Amino acid sequence: KAFKNSVNFGFWRGVDIQDPKGLLQGSGEKMRHVKLTSVEDIDEEEFASFVRQAVQLNLTKGDPTKGG
């Protein structure tokens, strides 16, 4: 979701993503997001790990937008 001064990059199953650096934000039951205010905010290694984990979760648990 884009805001005036930032972008939130969300993960439907964010609560299931390993996040040793505590970069994921949110308090919902399942979803978490990374808040970006500039390109420099991106920790490329961690962000890539989040995306890989999210893909794996979708492959094993199904499409989260369809109840999977």
PDB file of N, CA and C in Angstrom:
ATOM      1  N   LYS A   1       0.853  -1.174   0.000  1.00  0.00           N
ATOM      2  CA  LYS A   1       0.000   0.000   0.000  1.00  0.00           C
ATOM      3  C   LYS A   1       0.893   1.228   0.000  1.00  0.00           C
ATOM      4  N   ALA A   2       0.600   2.176  -0.861  1.00  0.00           N
ATOM      5  CA  ALA A   2       1.397   3.395  -0.970  1.00  0.00           C
ATOM      6  C   ALA A   2       0.765   4.524  -0.162  1.00  0.00           C
ATOM      7  N   PHE A   3       1.606   5.231   0.540  1.00  0.00           N
ATOM      8  CA  PHE A   3       1.205   6.418   1.281  1.00  0.00           C
ATOM      9  C   PHE A   3       2.012   7.591   0.738  1.00  0.00           C
ATOM     10  N   LYS A   4       1.774   8.786   1.225  1.00  0.00           N
ATOM     11  CA  LYS A   4       2.471   9.964   0.726  1.00  0.00           C
ATOM     12  C   LYS A   4       3.983   9.855   0.922  1.00  0.00           C
ATOM     13  N   ASN A   5       4.423   9.361   2.080  1.00  0.00           N
ATOM     14  CA  ASN A   5       5.850   9.332   2.392  1.00  0.00           C
ATOM     15  C   ASN A   5       6.422   7.939   2.596  1.00  0.00           C
ATOM     16  N   SER A   6       5.633   6.912   2.291  1.00  0.00           N
ATOM     17  CA  SER A   6       6.138   5.555   2.489  1.00  0.00           C
ATOM     18  C   SER A   6       5.322   4.556   1.682  1.00  0.00           C
ATOM     19  N   VAL A   7       5.839   3.333   1.634  1.00  0.00           N
ATOM     20  CA  VAL A   7       5.152   2.211   1.003  1.00  0.00           C
ATOM     21  C   VAL A   7       5.195   1.047   1.986  1.00  0.00           C
ATOM     22  N   ASN A   8       4.072   0.381   2.172  1.00  0.00           N
ATOM     23  CA  ASN A   8       4.034  -0.837   2.967  1.00  0.00           C
ATOM     24  C   ASN A   8       3.994  -2.018   2.011  1.00  0.00           C
ATOM     25  N   PHE A   9       4.979  -2.902   2.116  1.00  0.00           N
ATOM     26  CA  PHE A   9       5.025  -4.112   1.303  1.00  0.00           C
ATOM     27  C   PHE A   9       4.539  -5.246   2.183  1.00  0.00           C
ATOM     28  N   GLY A  10       3.351  -5.767   1.867  1.00  0.00           N
ATOM     29  CA  GLY A  10       2.702  -6.723   2.753  1.00  0.00           C
ATOM     30  C   GLY A  10       2.915  -8.175   2.387  1.00  0.00           C
ATOM     31  N   PHE A  11       2.849  -9.006   3.421  1.00  0.00           N
ATOM     32  CA  PHE A  11       2.938 -10.457   3.284  1.00  0.00           C
ATOM     33  C   PHE A  11       1.722 -11.066   3.975  1.00  0.00           C
ATOM     34  N   TRP A  12       0.879 -11.754   3.199  1.00  0.00           N
ATOM     35  CA  TRP A  12      -0.352 -12.335   3.725  1.00  0.00           C
ATOM     36  C   TRP A  12      -0.095 -13.248   4.914  1.00  0.00           C
ATOM     37  N   ARG A  13       0.947 -14.039   4.837  1.00  0.00           N
ATOM     38  CA  ARG A  13       1.285 -14.966   5.931  1.00  0.00           C
ATOM     39  C   ARG A  13       2.518 -14.480   6.688  1.00  0.00           C
ATOM     40  N   GLY A  14       2.602 -13.195   6.881  1.00  0.00           N
ATOM     41  CA  GLY A  14       3.774 -12.601   7.517  1.00  0.00           C
ATOM     42  C   GLY A  14       4.072 -13.133   8.896  1.00  0.00           C
ATOM     43  N   VAL A  15       3.050 -13.531   9.623  1.00  0.00           N
ATOM     44  CA  VAL A  15       3.258 -14.073  10.966  1.00  0.00           C
ATOM     45  C   VAL A  15       4.055 -15.380  10.913  1.00  0.00           C
ATOM     46  N   ASP A  16       4.030 -16.078   9.773  1.00  0.00           N
ATOM     47  CA  ASP A  16       4.751 -17.341   9.608  1.00  0.00           C
ATOM     48  C   ASP A  16       6.152 -17.165   9.031  1.00  0.00           C
ATOM     49  N   ILE A  17       6.530 -15.939   8.711  1.00  0.00           N
ATOM     50  CA  ILE A  17       7.841 -15.669   8.117  1.00  0.00           C
ATOM     51  C   ILE A  17       8.867 -15.429   9.219  1.00  0.00           C
ATOM     52  N   GLN A  18       9.998 -16.112   9.104  1.00  0.00           N
ATOM     53  CA  GLN A  18      11.084 -15.901  10.060  1.00  0.00           C
ATOM     54  C   GLN A  18      11.674 -14.516   9.828  1.00  0.00           C
ATOM     55  N   ASP A  19      11.802 -13.751  10.898  1.00  0.00           N
ATOM     56  CA  ASP A  19      12.239 -12.354  10.828  1.00  0.00           C
ATOM     57  C   ASP A  19      13.193 -12.058  11.992  1.00  0.00           C
ATOM     58  N   PRO A  20      14.424 -12.575  11.918  1.00  0.00           N
ATOM     59  CA  PRO A  20      15.352 -12.422  13.050  1.00  0.00           C
ATOM     60  C   PRO A  20      15.720 -10.978  13.376  1.00  0.00           C
ATOM     61  N   LYS A  21      15.622 -10.087  12.398  1.00  0.00           N
ATOM     62  CA  LYS A  21      15.979  -8.682  12.634  1.00  0.00           C
ATOM     63  C   LYS A  21      14.782  -7.834  13.066  1.00  0.00           C
ATOM     64  N   GLY A  22      13.594  -8.419  13.091  1.00  0.00           N
ATOM     65  CA  GLY A  22      12.405  -7.690  13.518  1.00  0.00           C
ATOM     66  C   GLY A  22      11.972  -6.590  12.567  1.00  0.00           C
ATOM     67  N   LEU A  23      12.127  -6.824  11.272  1.00  0.00           N
ATOM     68  CA  LEU A  23      11.776  -5.810  10.275  1.00  0.00           C
ATOM     69  C   LEU A  23      10.288  -5.789   9.935  1.00  0.00           C
ATOM     70  N   LEU A  24       9.617  -6.923  10.114  1.00  0.00           N
ATOM     71  CA  LEU A  24       8.195  -6.989   9.788  1.00  0.00           C
ATOM     72  C   LEU A  24       7.376  -6.306  10.867  1.00  0.00           C
ATOM     73  N   GLN A  25       6.384  -5.538  10.424  1.00  0.00           N
ATOM     74  CA  GLN A  25       5.517  -4.800  11.336  1.00  0.00           C
ATOM     75  C   GLN A  25       4.085  -5.298  11.191  1.00  0.00           C
ATOM     76  N   GLY A  26       3.288  -5.029  12.192  1.00  0.00           N
ATOM     77  CA  GLY A  26       1.876  -5.374  12.145  1.00  0.00           C
ATOM     78  C   GLY A  26       1.472  -6.190  13.349  1.00  0.00           C
ATOM     79  N   SER A  27       0.190  -6.132  13.643  1.00  0.00           N
ATOM     80  CA  SER A  27      -0.313  -6.846  14.814  1.00  0.00           C
ATOM     81  C   SER A  27      -1.543  -7.687  14.490  1.00  0.00           C
ATOM     82  N   GLY A  28      -1.827  -7.831  13.206  1.00  0.00           N
ATOM     83  CA  GLY A  28      -2.978  -8.636  12.806  1.00  0.00           C
ATOM     84  C   GLY A  28      -2.739 -10.114  13.038  1.00  0.00           C
ATOM     85  N   GLU A  29      -3.779 -10.889  12.813  1.00  0.00           N
ATOM     86  CA  GLU A  29      -3.704 -12.330  13.051  1.00  0.00           C
ATOM     87  C   GLU A  29      -2.681 -13.011  12.143  1.00  0.00           C
ATOM     88  N   LYS A  30      -2.572 -12.568  10.878  1.00  0.00           N
ATOM     89  CA  LYS A  30      -1.679 -13.242   9.931  1.00  0.00           C
ATOM     90  C   LYS A  30      -0.757 -12.306   9.154  1.00  0.00           C
ATOM     91  N   MET A  31      -1.249 -11.168   8.747  1.00  0.00           N
ATOM     92  CA  MET A  31      -0.504 -10.300   7.841  1.00  0.00           C
ATOM     93  C   MET A  31       0.559  -9.480   8.562  1.00  0.00           C
ATOM     94  N   ARG A  32       1.693  -9.273   7.863  1.00  0.00           N
ATOM     95  CA  ARG A  32       2.763  -8.396   8.331  1.00  0.00           C
ATOM     96  C   ARG A  32       3.251  -7.598   7.127  1.00  0.00           C
ATOM     97  N   HIS A  33       3.937  -6.493   7.385  1.00  0.00           N
ATOM     98  CA  HIS A  33       4.436  -5.664   6.295  1.00  0.00           C
ATOM     99  C   HIS A  33       5.794  -5.071   6.656  1.00  0.00           C
ATOM    100  N   VAL A  34       6.499  -4.643   5.617  1.00  0.00           N
ATOM    101  CA  VAL A  34       7.735  -3.889   5.767  1.00  0.00           C
ATOM    102  C   VAL A  34       7.414  -2.471   5.319  1.00  0.00           C
ATOM    103  N   LYS A  35       7.699  -1.494   6.157  1.00  0.00           N
ATOM    104  CA  LYS A  35       7.455  -0.093   5.814  1.00  0.00           C
ATOM    105  C   LYS A  35       8.733   0.484   5.216  1.00  0.00           C
ATOM    106  N   LEU A  36       8.619   1.011   4.002  1.00  0.00           N
ATOM    107  CA  LEU A  36       9.760   1.583   3.291  1.00  0.00           C
ATOM    108  C   LEU A  36       9.529   3.072   3.076  1.00  0.00           C
ATOM    109  N   THR A  37      10.490   3.890   3.493  1.00  0.00           N
ATOM    110  CA  THR A  37      10.395   5.330   3.261  1.00  0.00           C
ATOM    111  C   THR A  37      11.414   5.796   2.235  1.00  0.00           C
ATOM    112  N   SER A  38      12.378   4.927   1.909  1.00  0.00           N
ATOM    113  CA  SER A  38      13.348   5.221   0.856  1.00  0.00           C
ATOM    114  C   SER A  38      13.967   3.907   0.390  1.00  0.00           C
ATOM    115  N   VAL A  39      14.620   3.944  -0.748  1.00  0.00           N
ATOM    116  CA  VAL A  39      15.282   2.756  -1.281  1.00  0.00           C
ATOM    117  C   VAL A  39      16.327   2.242  -0.295  1.00  0.00           C
ATOM    118  N   GLU A  40      16.940   3.142   0.433  1.00  0.00           N
ATOM    119  CA  GLU A  40      17.964   2.759   1.398  1.00  0.00           C
ATOM    120  C   GLU A  40      17.399   1.936   2.555  1.00  0.00           C
ATOM    121  N   ASP A  41      16.095   1.979   2.759  1.00  0.00           N
ATOM    122  CA  ASP A  41      15.458   1.198   3.827  1.00  0.00           C
ATOM    123  C   ASP A  41      15.477  -0.301   3.542  1.00  0.00           C
ATOM    124  N   ILE A  42      15.667  -0.673   2.290  1.00  0.00           N
ATOM    125  CA  ILE A  42      15.570  -2.079   1.911  1.00  0.00           C
ATOM    126  C   ILE A  42      16.832  -2.827   2.318  1.00  0.00           C
ATOM    127  N   ASP A  43      16.664  -3.821   3.164  1.00  0.00           N
ATOM    128  CA  ASP A  43      17.727  -4.766   3.491  1.00  0.00           C
ATOM    129  C   ASP A  43      17.563  -5.894   2.470  1.00  0.00           C
ATOM    130  N   GLU A  44      18.342  -5.841   1.390  1.00  0.00           N
ATOM    131  CA  GLU A  44      18.125  -6.738   0.255  1.00  0.00           C
ATOM    132  C   GLU A  44      18.134  -8.208   0.644  1.00  0.00           C
ATOM    133  N   GLU A  45      19.056  -8.600   1.489  1.00  0.00           N
ATOM    134  CA  GLU A  45      19.155 -10.000   1.893  1.00  0.00           C
ATOM    135  C   GLU A  45      17.910 -10.437   2.670  1.00  0.00           C
ATOM    136  N   GLU A  46      17.495  -9.626   3.625  1.00  0.00           N
ATOM    137  CA  GLU A  46      16.316  -9.963   4.424  1.00  0.00           C
ATOM    138  C   GLU A  46      15.048  -9.921   3.579  1.00  0.00           C
ATOM    139  N   PHE A  47      14.924  -8.905   2.729  1.00  0.00           N
ATOM    140  CA  PHE A  47      13.741  -8.770   1.892  1.00  0.00           C
ATOM    141  C   PHE A  47      13.609  -9.971   0.959  1.00  0.00           C
ATOM    142  N   ALA A  48      14.731 -10.379   0.342  1.00  0.00           N
ATOM    143  CA  ALA A  48      14.717 -11.553  -0.533  1.00  0.00           C
ATOM    144  C   ALA A  48      14.315 -12.799   0.250  1.00  0.00           C
ATOM    145  N   SER A  49      14.780 -12.904   1.480  1.00  0.00           N
ATOM    146  CA  SER A  49      14.408 -14.035   2.333  1.00  0.00           C
ATOM    147  C   SER A  49      12.904 -14.036   2.599  1.00  0.00           C
ATOM    148  N   PHE A  50      12.338 -12.868   2.874  1.00  0.00           N
ATOM    149  CA  PHE A  50      10.894 -12.769   3.108  1.00  0.00           C
ATOM    150  C   PHE A  50      10.117 -13.248   1.881  1.00  0.00           C
ATOM    151  N   VAL A  51      10.540 -12.803   0.705  1.00  0.00           N
ATOM    152  CA  VAL A  51       9.843 -13.176  -0.531  1.00  0.00           C
ATOM    153  C   VAL A  51       9.960 -14.683  -0.769  1.00  0.00           C
ATOM    154  N   ARG A  52      11.161 -15.246  -0.581  1.00  0.00           N
ATOM    155  CA  ARG A  52      11.339 -16.694  -0.759  1.00  0.00           C
ATOM    156  C   ARG A  52      10.450 -17.477   0.213  1.00  0.00           C
ATOM    157  N   GLN A  53      10.423 -17.035   1.459  1.00  0.00           N
ATOM    158  CA  GLN A  53       9.591 -17.713   2.456  1.00  0.00           C
ATOM    159  C   GLN A  53       8.108 -17.607   2.098  1.00  0.00           C
ATOM    160  N   ALA A  54       7.689 -16.432   1.644  1.00  0.00           N
ATOM    161  CA  ALA A  54       6.287 -16.232   1.270  1.00  0.00           C
ATOM    162  C   ALA A  54       5.899 -17.140   0.104  1.00  0.00           C
ATOM    163  N   VAL A  55       6.774 -17.260  -0.878  1.00  0.00           N
ATOM    164  CA  VAL A  55       6.510 -18.142  -2.018  1.00  0.00           C
ATOM    165  C   VAL A  55       6.376 -19.583  -1.538  1.00  0.00           C
ATOM    166  N   GLN A  56       7.295 -20.013  -0.690  1.00  0.00           N
ATOM    167  CA  GLN A  56       7.245 -21.386  -0.177  1.00  0.00           C
ATOM    168  C   GLN A  56       5.964 -21.636   0.618  1.00  0.00           C
ATOM    169  N   LEU A  57       5.573 -20.673   1.433  1.00  0.00           N
ATOM    170  CA  LEU A  57       4.326 -20.814   2.192  1.00  0.00           C
ATOM    171  C   LEU A  57       3.125 -20.951   1.260  1.00  0.00           C
ATOM    172  N   ASN A  58       3.108 -20.165   0.185  1.00  0.00           N
ATOM    173  CA  ASN A  58       2.001 -20.245  -0.771  1.00  0.00           C
ATOM    174  C   ASN A  58       1.988 -21.586  -1.498  1.00  0.00           C
ATOM    175  N   LEU A  59       3.173 -22.111  -1.803  1.00  0.00           N
ATOM    176  CA  LEU A  59       3.246 -23.405  -2.482  1.00  0.00           C
ATOM    177  C   LEU A  59       2.765 -24.538  -1.581  1.00  0.00           C
ATOM    178  N   THR A  60       3.053 -24.455  -0.299  1.00  0.00           N
ATOM    179  CA  THR A  60       2.676 -25.538   0.610  1.00  0.00           C
ATOM    180  C   THR A  60       1.275 -25.374   1.196  1.00  0.00           C
ATOM    181  N   LYS A  61       0.831 -24.139   1.383  1.00  0.00           N
ATOM    182  CA  LYS A  61      -0.463 -23.905   2.031  1.00  0.00           C
ATOM    183  C   LYS A  61      -1.552 -23.425   1.083  1.00  0.00           C
ATOM    184  N   GLY A  62      -1.190 -23.059  -0.142  1.00  0.00           N
ATOM    185  CA  GLY A  62      -2.181 -22.582  -1.097  1.00  0.00           C
ATOM    186  C   GLY A  62      -2.275 -21.068  -1.115  1.00  0.00           C
ATOM    187  N   ASP A  63      -3.116 -20.582  -1.990  1.00  0.00           N
ATOM    188  CA  ASP A  63      -3.312 -19.147  -2.195  1.00  0.00           C
ATOM    189  C   ASP A  63      -3.984 -18.533  -0.963  1.00  0.00           C
ATOM    190  N   PRO A  64      -3.308 -17.611  -0.266  1.00  0.00           N
ATOM    191  CA  PRO A  64      -3.890 -17.038   0.947  1.00  0.00           C
ATOM    192  C   PRO A  64      -5.113 -16.158   0.684  1.00  0.00           C
ATOM    193  N   THR A  65      -5.269 -15.682  -0.547  1.00  0.00           N
ATOM    194  CA  THR A  65      -6.429 -14.847  -0.859  1.00  0.00           C
ATOM    195  C   THR A  65      -7.684 -15.687  -1.098  1.00  0.00           C
ATOM    196  N   LYS A  66      -7.494 -17.009  -1.175  1.00  0.00           N
ATOM    197  CA  LYS A  66      -8.622 -17.919  -1.412  1.00  0.00           C
ATOM    198  C   LYS A  66      -8.808 -18.882  -0.245  1.00  0.00           C
ATOM    199  N   GLY A  67      -8.355 -18.441   0.924  1.00  0.00           N
ATOM    200  CA  GLY A  67      -8.553 -19.254   2.119  1.00  0.00           C
ATOM    201  C   GLY A  67      -7.509 -20.323   2.342  1.00  0.00           C
ATOM    202  N   GLY A  68      -6.527 -20.395   1.432  1.00  0.00           N
ATOM    203  CA  GLY A  68      -5.487 -21.420   1.555  1.00  0.00           C
ATOM    204  C   GLY A  68      -4.393 -21.043   2.497  1.00  0.00           C
TER     205      GLY A  68
END
